[in-house]
Amino acid sequence: MKIPAGTVDVFLVVTLLVCCYTDLKERKIRNVVLFPAALLALILHILLEGGAGALLWIKGLGAGIGLFLIPFALGGIGAGDVKLLGVVGSFKGAVFAFHAFIYTALIGAVLILFFLWRKKELWPTMVRIGRAIKLFFYSGFRLWDLEEENKAVAVPYGLAITLGSFVCLAGEFLC
């Protein structure tokens, strides 16, 4: 069976758009989208490349999940975000997942600044960060919770993952 070139990219783009939409609308990235997408990626890779495709899938999935484990453990992102980057890696491989991770982080930083500015929390957040850095150095590099009250601004990080992945996809076609 011959699979048209670009099929993997089309399914990745559809998956990203659906997950971005649900993250923006409901602040959820649904497993009902992620798990079938990862399975589809595996099937496509096996059909296209056999055992090498399965290995590409495993490495990509592992890299995508692994790159977001620390931010997830620190409470910076949700489990859906971790799984979404894993799915990106399952479609395109570990190197692509790493590049998407870098662009996602850069785009995510801009989005976080925008959301903080929009909620009028940018300056207070910068002051708290400055105070935390100062206390960190004065304390002999000990960490503790400096948050007086929970002022976290939720950012739909699925948007950053989608945009970061799109930058990488565009880079593939431009090169």
N, C-alpha and C. Protein backbone atom coordinates (compact mmCIF):
# COMPACT_ATOMS: atom_id res chain seq x y z
N MET A 1 0.84 -1.18 0.00
CA MET A 1 0.00 0.00 0.00
C MET A 1 0.89 1.24 0.00
N LYS A 2 0.66 2.11 -0.93
CA LYS A 2 1.44 3.34 -1.06
C LYS A 2 0.73 4.47 -0.30
N ILE A 3 1.45 5.10 0.61
CA ILE A 3 0.91 6.21 1.38
C ILE A 3 1.46 7.50 0.78
N PRO A 4 0.60 8.46 0.45
CA PRO A 4 1.08 9.70 -0.16
C PRO A 4 2.06 10.45 0.74
N ALA A 5 3.02 11.10 0.12
CA ALA A 5 3.99 11.92 0.86
C ALA A 5 3.23 13.03 1.59
N GLY A 6 3.64 13.31 2.78
CA GLY A 6 3.02 14.37 3.56
C GLY A 6 1.85 13.92 4.41
N THR A 7 1.47 12.64 4.33
CA THR A 7 0.34 12.14 5.11
C THR A 7 0.59 12.30 6.61
N VAL A 8 1.80 11.99 7.04
CA VAL A 8 2.15 12.13 8.45
C VAL A 8 1.99 13.58 8.89
N ASP A 9 2.45 14.50 8.04
CA ASP A 9 2.35 15.93 8.38
C ASP A 9 0.90 16.38 8.46
N VAL A 10 0.06 15.90 7.55
CA VAL A 10 -1.35 16.28 7.55
C VAL A 10 -2.03 15.83 8.84
N PHE A 11 -1.79 14.59 9.23
CA PHE A 11 -2.41 14.09 10.47
C PHE A 11 -1.85 14.82 11.69
N LEU A 12 -0.58 15.17 11.68
CA LEU A 12 -0.01 15.95 12.79
C LEU A 12 -0.68 17.32 12.87
N VAL A 13 -0.82 18.00 11.74
CA VAL A 13 -1.44 19.32 11.74
C VAL A 13 -2.88 19.25 12.24
N VAL A 14 -3.64 18.27 11.80
CA VAL A 14 -5.02 18.12 12.26
C VAL A 14 -5.06 17.89 13.77
N THR A 15 -4.19 17.01 14.25
CA THR A 15 -4.12 16.73 15.69
C THR A 15 -3.79 18.00 16.47
N LEU A 16 -2.80 18.75 16.00
CA LEU A 16 -2.40 19.98 16.69
C LEU A 16 -3.54 21.00 16.70
N LEU A 17 -4.22 21.15 15.58
CA LEU A 17 -5.31 22.13 15.52
C LEU A 17 -6.47 21.75 16.44
N VAL A 18 -6.81 20.47 16.49
CA VAL A 18 -7.89 20.03 17.39
C VAL A 18 -7.49 20.26 18.85
N CYS A 19 -6.26 19.88 19.19
CA CYS A 19 -5.80 20.05 20.58
C CYS A 19 -5.67 21.52 20.96
N CYS A 20 -5.22 22.33 20.04
CA CYS A 20 -5.11 23.77 20.30
C CYS A 20 -6.50 24.36 20.55
N TYR A 21 -7.47 23.96 19.72
CA TYR A 21 -8.83 24.46 19.87
C TYR A 21 -9.40 24.09 21.25
N THR A 22 -9.28 22.81 21.62
CA THR A 22 -9.85 22.40 22.91
C THR A 22 -9.11 23.05 24.07
N ASP A 23 -7.79 23.27 23.92
CA ASP A 23 -7.04 23.92 24.99
C ASP A 23 -7.47 25.38 25.14
N LEU A 24 -7.68 26.06 24.03
CA LEU A 24 -8.12 27.45 24.10
C LEU A 24 -9.56 27.56 24.62
N LYS A 25 -10.42 26.66 24.20
CA LYS A 25 -11.84 26.73 24.56
C LYS A 25 -12.13 26.17 25.94
N GLU A 26 -11.52 25.02 26.27
CA GLU A 26 -11.87 24.32 27.50
C GLU A 26 -10.71 24.20 28.49
N ARG A 27 -9.52 24.63 28.08
CA ARG A 27 -8.30 24.47 28.87
C ARG A 27 -8.01 23.00 29.13
N LYS A 28 -8.32 22.15 28.15
CA LYS A 28 -8.07 20.71 28.22
C LYS A 28 -7.51 20.24 26.89
N ILE A 29 -6.55 19.33 26.96
CA ILE A 29 -6.07 18.61 25.79
C ILE A 29 -6.52 17.18 26.01
N ARG A 30 -7.42 16.73 25.20
CA ARG A 30 -8.15 15.48 25.42
C ARG A 30 -7.37 14.23 25.01
N ASN A 31 -7.38 13.24 25.91
CA ASN A 31 -6.77 11.94 25.62
C ASN A 31 -7.47 11.24 24.46
N VAL A 32 -8.76 11.53 24.27
CA VAL A 32 -9.52 10.91 23.19
C VAL A 32 -8.98 11.35 21.82
N VAL A 33 -8.23 12.42 21.79
CA VAL A 33 -7.55 12.86 20.56
C VAL A 33 -6.10 12.35 20.56
N LEU A 34 -5.44 12.47 21.70
CA LEU A 34 -4.00 12.16 21.76
C LEU A 34 -3.68 10.68 21.55
N PHE A 35 -4.39 9.79 22.22
CA PHE A 35 -4.05 8.37 22.12
C PHE A 35 -4.28 7.80 20.72
N PRO A 36 -5.44 8.08 20.10
CA PRO A 36 -5.60 7.60 18.72
C PRO A 36 -4.57 8.22 17.75
N ALA A 37 -4.21 9.49 17.99
CA ALA A 37 -3.22 10.13 17.12
C ALA A 37 -1.86 9.43 17.25
N ALA A 38 -1.46 9.10 18.47
CA ALA A 38 -0.19 8.39 18.68
C ALA A 38 -0.23 7.01 18.03
N LEU A 39 -1.35 6.33 18.16
CA LEU A 39 -1.50 5.01 17.54
C LEU A 39 -1.46 5.13 16.01
N LEU A 40 -2.12 6.14 15.48
CA LEU A 40 -2.10 6.37 14.03
C LEU A 40 -0.67 6.65 13.56
N ALA A 41 0.07 7.44 14.33
CA ALA A 41 1.47 7.71 13.97
C ALA A 41 2.27 6.42 13.91
N LEU A 42 2.06 5.54 14.89
CA LEU A 42 2.76 4.25 14.89
C LEU A 42 2.40 3.43 13.65
N ILE A 43 1.15 3.35 13.33
CA ILE A 43 0.70 2.58 12.16
C ILE A 43 1.30 3.16 10.88
N LEU A 44 1.26 4.48 10.74
CA LEU A 44 1.83 5.12 9.55
C LEU A 44 3.32 4.84 9.43
N HIS A 45 4.04 4.96 10.54
CA HIS A 45 5.49 4.72 10.50
C HIS A 45 5.81 3.28 10.16
N ILE A 46 5.04 2.34 10.68
CA ILE A 46 5.28 0.93 10.36
C ILE A 46 4.98 0.67 8.88
N LEU A 47 3.88 1.24 8.37
CA LEU A 47 3.56 1.07 6.96
C LEU A 47 4.62 1.71 6.04
N LEU A 48 5.14 2.85 6.47
CA LEU A 48 6.11 3.57 5.64
C LEU A 48 7.52 3.00 5.73
N GLU A 49 7.93 2.61 6.95
CA GLU A 49 9.34 2.28 7.17
C GLU A 49 9.58 0.96 7.90
N GLY A 50 8.53 0.25 8.24
CA GLY A 50 8.70 -1.02 8.94
C GLY A 50 9.22 -0.85 10.35
N GLY A 51 10.16 -1.72 10.73
CA GLY A 51 10.73 -1.69 12.08
C GLY A 51 11.43 -0.38 12.40
N ALA A 52 12.09 0.20 11.41
CA ALA A 52 12.76 1.50 11.63
C ALA A 52 11.74 2.58 11.97
N GLY A 53 10.55 2.50 11.36
CA GLY A 53 9.49 3.45 11.66
C GLY A 53 8.98 3.31 13.08
N ALA A 54 8.88 2.06 13.55
CA ALA A 54 8.46 1.83 14.93
C ALA A 54 9.48 2.39 15.91
N LEU A 55 10.75 2.23 15.57
CA LEU A 55 11.82 2.78 16.42
C LEU A 55 11.77 4.31 16.44
N LEU A 56 11.54 4.92 15.27
CA LEU A 56 11.41 6.37 15.18
C LEU A 56 10.25 6.84 16.06
N TRP A 57 9.14 6.09 16.02
CA TRP A 57 7.96 6.42 16.81
C TRP A 57 8.28 6.37 18.31
N ILE A 58 8.93 5.30 18.74
CA ILE A 58 9.26 5.13 20.16
C ILE A 58 10.19 6.25 20.64
N LYS A 59 11.23 6.51 19.86
CA LYS A 59 12.18 7.57 20.24
C LYS A 59 11.50 8.93 20.27
N GLY A 60 10.67 9.22 19.28
CA GLY A 60 9.99 10.51 19.22
C GLY A 60 9.02 10.69 20.37
N LEU A 61 8.23 9.65 20.65
CA LEU A 61 7.28 9.71 21.75
C LEU A 61 8.02 9.92 23.08
N GLY A 62 9.07 9.14 23.29
CA GLY A 62 9.85 9.26 24.53
C GLY A 62 10.51 10.62 24.68
N ALA A 63 11.07 11.12 23.58
CA ALA A 63 11.73 12.44 23.63
C ALA A 63 10.72 13.53 23.94
N GLY A 64 9.58 13.49 23.25
CA GLY A 64 8.57 14.52 23.47
C GLY A 64 8.07 14.54 24.90
N ILE A 65 7.80 13.37 25.45
CA ILE A 65 7.34 13.28 26.84
C ILE A 65 8.48 13.68 27.79
N GLY A 66 9.66 13.17 27.54
CA GLY A 66 10.80 13.43 28.42
C GLY A 66 11.16 14.90 28.52
N LEU A 67 11.03 15.63 27.42
CA LEU A 67 11.41 17.06 27.43
C LEU A 67 10.52 17.89 28.34
N PHE A 68 9.28 17.44 28.54
CA PHE A 68 8.35 18.21 29.37
C PHE A 68 8.17 17.63 30.77
N LEU A 69 8.91 16.58 31.13
CA LEU A 69 8.72 15.98 32.45
C LEU A 69 9.10 16.93 33.58
N ILE A 70 10.21 17.63 33.46
CA ILE A 70 10.62 18.55 34.54
C ILE A 70 9.65 19.72 34.67
N PRO A 71 9.29 20.42 33.56
CA PRO A 71 8.29 21.48 33.74
C PRO A 71 6.97 20.97 34.32
N PHE A 72 6.57 19.74 33.96
CA PHE A 72 5.35 19.16 34.51
C PHE A 72 5.52 18.89 36.01
N ALA A 73 6.65 18.31 36.38
CA ALA A 73 6.90 18.00 37.80
C ALA A 73 6.94 19.26 38.66
N LEU A 74 7.37 20.37 38.08
CA LEU A 74 7.42 21.63 38.80
C LEU A 74 6.08 22.38 38.78
N GLY A 75 5.09 21.82 38.09
CA GLY A 75 3.77 22.43 38.07
C GLY A 75 3.61 23.52 37.03
N GLY A 76 4.56 23.63 36.11
CA GLY A 76 4.50 24.69 35.11
C GLY A 76 3.58 24.39 33.94
N ILE A 77 3.37 23.12 33.64
CA ILE A 77 2.49 22.74 32.54
C ILE A 77 1.65 21.54 32.96
N GLY A 78 0.62 21.27 32.20
CA GLY A 78 -0.26 20.16 32.51
C GLY A 78 0.14 18.88 31.81
N ALA A 79 -0.49 17.79 32.22
CA ALA A 79 -0.20 16.48 31.63
C ALA A 79 -0.57 16.43 30.16
N GLY A 80 -1.63 17.13 29.76
CA GLY A 80 -2.02 17.17 28.36
C GLY A 80 -0.94 17.77 27.48
N ASP A 81 -0.26 18.79 28.00
CA ASP A 81 0.84 19.42 27.26
C ASP A 81 1.99 18.43 27.06
N VAL A 82 2.28 17.66 28.10
CA VAL A 82 3.34 16.66 28.02
C VAL A 82 2.99 15.63 26.96
N LYS A 83 1.77 15.13 27.01
CA LYS A 83 1.35 14.11 26.05
C LYS A 83 1.30 14.67 24.64
N LEU A 84 0.90 15.93 24.48
CA LEU A 84 0.84 16.52 23.14
C LEU A 84 2.22 16.60 22.50
N LEU A 85 3.22 17.02 23.27
CA LEU A 85 4.58 17.04 22.70
C LEU A 85 5.05 15.62 22.41
N GLY A 86 4.63 14.66 23.22
CA GLY A 86 4.93 13.26 22.93
C GLY A 86 4.32 12.82 21.61
N VAL A 87 3.10 13.24 21.35
CA VAL A 87 2.44 12.90 20.08
C VAL A 87 3.16 13.57 18.91
N VAL A 88 3.58 14.82 19.11
CA VAL A 88 4.36 15.50 18.06
C VAL A 88 5.60 14.67 17.74
N GLY A 89 6.30 14.21 18.77
CA GLY A 89 7.47 13.37 18.56
C GLY A 89 7.13 12.04 17.92
N SER A 90 5.97 11.49 18.26
CA SER A 90 5.58 10.20 17.68
C SER A 90 5.34 10.32 16.18
N PHE A 91 4.89 11.46 15.74
CA PHE A 91 4.67 11.67 14.31
C PHE A 91 5.98 11.99 13.58
N LYS A 92 6.85 12.79 14.20
CA LYS A 92 7.99 13.34 13.45
C LYS A 92 9.37 12.91 13.96
N GLY A 93 9.46 12.27 15.11
CA GLY A 93 10.73 11.80 15.60
C GLY A 93 11.31 12.68 16.70
N ALA A 94 12.40 12.18 17.29
CA ALA A 94 13.00 12.83 18.47
C ALA A 94 13.63 14.18 18.14
N VAL A 95 14.32 14.28 17.02
CA VAL A 95 14.98 15.54 16.67
C VAL A 95 13.94 16.63 16.44
N PHE A 96 12.88 16.29 15.73
CA PHE A 96 11.80 17.25 15.50
C PHE A 96 11.17 17.66 16.83
N ALA A 97 10.94 16.69 17.72
CA ALA A 97 10.35 16.99 19.03
C ALA A 97 11.24 17.96 19.80
N PHE A 98 12.55 17.77 19.72
CA PHE A 98 13.47 18.69 20.42
C PHE A 98 13.38 20.10 19.83
N HIS A 99 13.39 20.20 18.50
CA HIS A 99 13.28 21.52 17.87
C HIS A 99 11.94 22.17 18.19
N ALA A 100 10.87 21.38 18.15
CA ALA A 100 9.54 21.91 18.50
C ALA A 100 9.53 22.38 19.96
N PHE A 101 10.20 21.65 20.83
CA PHE A 101 10.31 22.03 22.25
C PHE A 101 10.98 23.40 22.40
N ILE A 102 12.07 23.61 21.67
CA ILE A 102 12.78 24.90 21.74
C ILE A 102 11.88 26.04 21.27
N TYR A 103 11.26 25.87 20.10
CA TYR A 103 10.38 26.92 19.59
C TYR A 103 9.15 27.10 20.48
N THR A 104 8.64 26.01 21.03
CA THR A 104 7.52 26.09 21.95
C THR A 104 7.89 26.92 23.18
N ALA A 105 9.08 26.70 23.71
CA ALA A 105 9.52 27.46 24.89
C ALA A 105 9.62 28.95 24.58
N LEU A 106 10.16 29.28 23.42
CA LEU A 106 10.29 30.69 23.04
C LEU A 106 8.91 31.33 22.83
N ILE A 107 8.06 30.65 22.09
CA ILE A 107 6.71 31.17 21.85
C ILE A 107 5.92 31.20 23.15
N GLY A 108 6.10 30.17 23.98
CA GLY A 108 5.41 30.11 25.26
C GLY A 108 5.79 31.28 26.17
N ALA A 109 7.06 31.66 26.15
CA ALA A 109 7.50 32.81 26.96
C ALA A 109 6.79 34.08 26.52
N VAL A 110 6.67 34.28 25.23
CA VAL A 110 5.97 35.46 24.71
C VAL A 110 4.49 35.40 25.10
N LEU A 111 3.88 34.23 24.99
CA LEU A 111 2.47 34.09 25.38
C LEU A 111 2.26 34.36 26.87
N ILE A 112 3.18 33.86 27.69
CA ILE A 112 3.06 34.08 29.13
C ILE A 112 3.15 35.57 29.44
N LEU A 113 4.09 36.26 28.82
CA LEU A 113 4.20 37.71 29.02
C LEU A 113 2.92 38.42 28.58
N PHE A 114 2.37 38.00 27.44
CA PHE A 114 1.13 38.60 26.95
C PHE A 114 -0.02 38.36 27.93
N PHE A 115 -0.19 37.13 28.41
CA PHE A 115 -1.28 36.82 29.33
C PHE A 115 -1.09 37.57 30.66
N LEU A 116 0.14 37.68 31.14
CA LEU A 116 0.39 38.44 32.37
C LEU A 116 0.05 39.92 32.16
N TRP A 117 0.44 40.47 31.02
CA TRP A 117 0.16 41.87 30.71
C TRP A 117 -1.35 42.10 30.63
N ARG A 118 -2.05 41.16 29.96
CA ARG A 118 -3.49 41.29 29.79
C ARG A 118 -4.23 41.24 31.12
N LYS A 119 -3.73 40.45 32.06
CA LYS A 119 -4.36 40.34 33.38
C LYS A 119 -3.80 41.38 34.37
N LYS A 120 -2.97 42.27 33.86
CA LYS A 120 -2.35 43.32 34.69
C LYS A 120 -1.52 42.72 35.83
N GLU A 121 -0.85 41.61 35.52
CA GLU A 121 -0.02 40.92 36.51
C GLU A 121 1.46 40.91 36.10
N LEU A 122 1.80 41.56 34.99
CA LEU A 122 3.19 41.50 34.50
C LEU A 122 4.15 42.14 35.50
N TRP A 123 3.88 43.38 35.88
CA TRP A 123 4.80 44.06 36.79
C TRP A 123 4.84 43.39 38.17
N PRO A 124 3.70 43.07 38.79
CA PRO A 124 3.77 42.38 40.09
C PRO A 124 4.52 41.05 40.00
N THR A 125 4.38 40.34 38.91
CA THR A 125 5.10 39.08 38.74
C THR A 125 6.59 39.33 38.63
N MET A 126 6.98 40.35 37.88
CA MET A 126 8.41 40.68 37.74
C MET A 126 9.01 41.08 39.10
N VAL A 127 8.24 41.81 39.89
CA VAL A 127 8.70 42.20 41.22
C VAL A 127 8.89 40.95 42.09
N ARG A 128 7.91 40.02 42.06
CA ARG A 128 8.03 38.79 42.85
C ARG A 128 9.24 37.95 42.39
N ILE A 129 9.46 37.88 41.10
CA ILE A 129 10.62 37.12 40.59
C ILE A 129 11.92 37.77 41.06
N GLY A 130 11.99 39.09 40.98
CA GLY A 130 13.19 39.80 41.45
C GLY A 130 13.43 39.57 42.93
N ARG A 131 12.36 39.63 43.72
CA ARG A 131 12.47 39.38 45.16
C ARG A 131 12.92 37.94 45.42
N ALA A 132 12.39 37.00 44.66
CA ALA A 132 12.75 35.60 44.85
C ALA A 132 14.22 35.37 44.51
N ILE A 133 14.69 35.98 43.44
CA ILE A 133 16.11 35.82 43.05
C ILE A 133 17.01 36.42 44.13
N LYS A 134 16.64 37.60 44.62
CA LYS A 134 17.42 38.25 45.67
C LYS A 134 17.47 37.39 46.93
N LEU A 135 16.32 36.86 47.36
CA LEU A 135 16.30 36.02 48.54
C LEU A 135 17.05 34.72 48.33
N PHE A 136 16.99 34.19 47.12
CA PHE A 136 17.71 32.96 46.79
C PHE A 136 19.21 33.15 46.99
N PHE A 137 19.74 34.27 46.52
CA PHE A 137 21.18 34.52 46.66
C PHE A 137 21.55 34.86 48.10
N TYR A 138 20.71 35.64 48.79
CA TYR A 138 21.00 35.99 50.17
C TYR A 138 20.86 34.81 51.12
N SER A 139 20.09 33.80 50.74
CA SER A 139 19.83 32.66 51.62
C SER A 139 20.88 31.56 51.48
N GLY A 140 21.87 31.77 50.66
CA GLY A 140 22.86 30.72 50.44
C GLY A 140 22.32 29.66 49.50
N PHE A 141 21.50 30.07 48.54
CA PHE A 141 20.98 29.19 47.48
C PHE A 141 20.01 28.13 47.98
N ARG A 142 19.23 28.44 49.02
CA ARG A 142 18.19 27.54 49.48
C ARG A 142 16.87 27.93 48.83
N LEU A 143 16.07 26.92 48.51
CA LEU A 143 14.78 27.17 47.86
C LEU A 143 13.65 27.00 48.87
N TRP A 144 12.64 27.81 48.73
CA TRP A 144 11.41 27.66 49.50
C TRP A 144 10.30 28.38 48.75
N ASP A 145 9.08 28.14 49.18
CA ASP A 145 7.93 28.74 48.49
C ASP A 145 7.78 30.18 48.93
N LEU A 146 7.95 31.09 47.98
CA LEU A 146 7.86 32.52 48.28
C LEU A 146 6.49 33.09 47.94
N GLU A 147 5.60 32.24 47.48
CA GLU A 147 4.29 32.69 47.02
C GLU A 147 3.42 33.01 48.23
N GLU A 148 3.08 34.30 48.38
CA GLU A 148 2.20 34.67 49.48
C GLU A 148 0.77 34.23 49.21
N GLU A 149 0.37 34.32 47.96
CA GLU A 149 -0.96 33.91 47.54
C GLU A 149 -0.84 33.38 46.12
N ASN A 150 -1.74 32.53 45.75
CA ASN A 150 -1.66 31.92 44.42
C ASN A 150 -2.14 32.91 43.37
N LYS A 151 -1.21 33.48 42.62
CA LYS A 151 -1.54 34.43 41.57
C LYS A 151 -1.17 33.87 40.21
N ALA A 152 -1.20 32.56 40.07
CA ALA A 152 -0.80 31.93 38.82
C ALA A 152 -1.77 32.33 37.71
N VAL A 153 -1.19 32.64 36.56
CA VAL A 153 -1.98 32.97 35.37
C VAL A 153 -1.89 31.76 34.45
N ALA A 154 -3.03 31.13 34.19
CA ALA A 154 -3.05 29.94 33.35
C ALA A 154 -2.90 30.34 31.88
N VAL A 155 -1.99 29.68 31.21
CA VAL A 155 -1.74 29.93 29.79
C VAL A 155 -2.05 28.63 29.05
N PRO A 156 -2.88 28.70 28.01
CA PRO A 156 -3.16 27.50 27.22
C PRO A 156 -1.91 27.13 26.41
N TYR A 157 -1.07 26.29 26.99
CA TYR A 157 0.23 25.99 26.39
C TYR A 157 0.12 25.13 25.13
N GLY A 158 -1.06 24.55 24.89
CA GLY A 158 -1.28 23.84 23.64
C GLY A 158 -1.10 24.76 22.44
N LEU A 159 -1.43 26.04 22.62
CA LEU A 159 -1.21 27.03 21.57
C LEU A 159 0.28 27.18 21.27
N ALA A 160 1.10 27.25 22.30
CA ALA A 160 2.55 27.38 22.11
C ALA A 160 3.12 26.13 21.44
N ILE A 161 2.64 24.95 21.86
CA ILE A 161 3.12 23.70 21.25
C ILE A 161 2.72 23.65 19.78
N THR A 162 1.50 24.05 19.48
CA THR A 162 1.04 24.07 18.09
C THR A 162 1.88 25.03 17.26
N LEU A 163 2.07 26.24 17.74
CA LEU A 163 2.84 27.22 16.98
C LEU A 163 4.30 26.80 16.84
N GLY A 164 4.89 26.27 17.91
CA GLY A 164 6.27 25.79 17.84
C GLY A 164 6.43 24.66 16.84
N SER A 165 5.45 23.76 16.79
CA SER A 165 5.49 22.66 15.83
C SER A 165 5.30 23.17 14.41
N PHE A 166 4.43 24.16 14.24
CA PHE A 166 4.23 24.74 12.91
C PHE A 166 5.50 25.41 12.39
N VAL A 167 6.23 26.08 13.29
CA VAL A 167 7.51 26.69 12.89
C VAL A 167 8.45 25.60 12.37
N CYS A 168 8.51 24.49 13.07
CA CYS A 168 9.38 23.39 12.64
C CYS A 168 8.92 22.78 11.33
N LEU A 169 7.61 22.62 11.17
CA LEU A 169 7.09 22.09 9.90
C LEU A 169 7.41 23.04 8.75
N ALA A 170 7.23 24.33 8.98
CA ALA A 170 7.56 25.31 7.95
C ALA A 170 9.04 25.27 7.63
N GLY A 171 9.87 25.08 8.64
CA GLY A 171 11.31 25.00 8.42
C GLY A 171 11.68 23.80 7.57
N GLU A 172 10.97 22.70 7.72
CA GLU A 172 11.22 21.52 6.88
C GLU A 172 10.96 21.82 5.42
N PHE A 173 9.89 22.56 5.15
CA PHE A 173 9.53 22.84 3.78
C PHE A 173 10.39 23.94 3.16
N LEU A 174 10.95 24.82 3.99
CA LEU A 174 11.78 25.91 3.48
C LEU A 174 13.19 25.46 3.18
N CYS A 175 13.63 24.40 3.83
CA CYS A 175 15.02 23.94 3.65
C CYS A 175 15.18 23.05 2.44
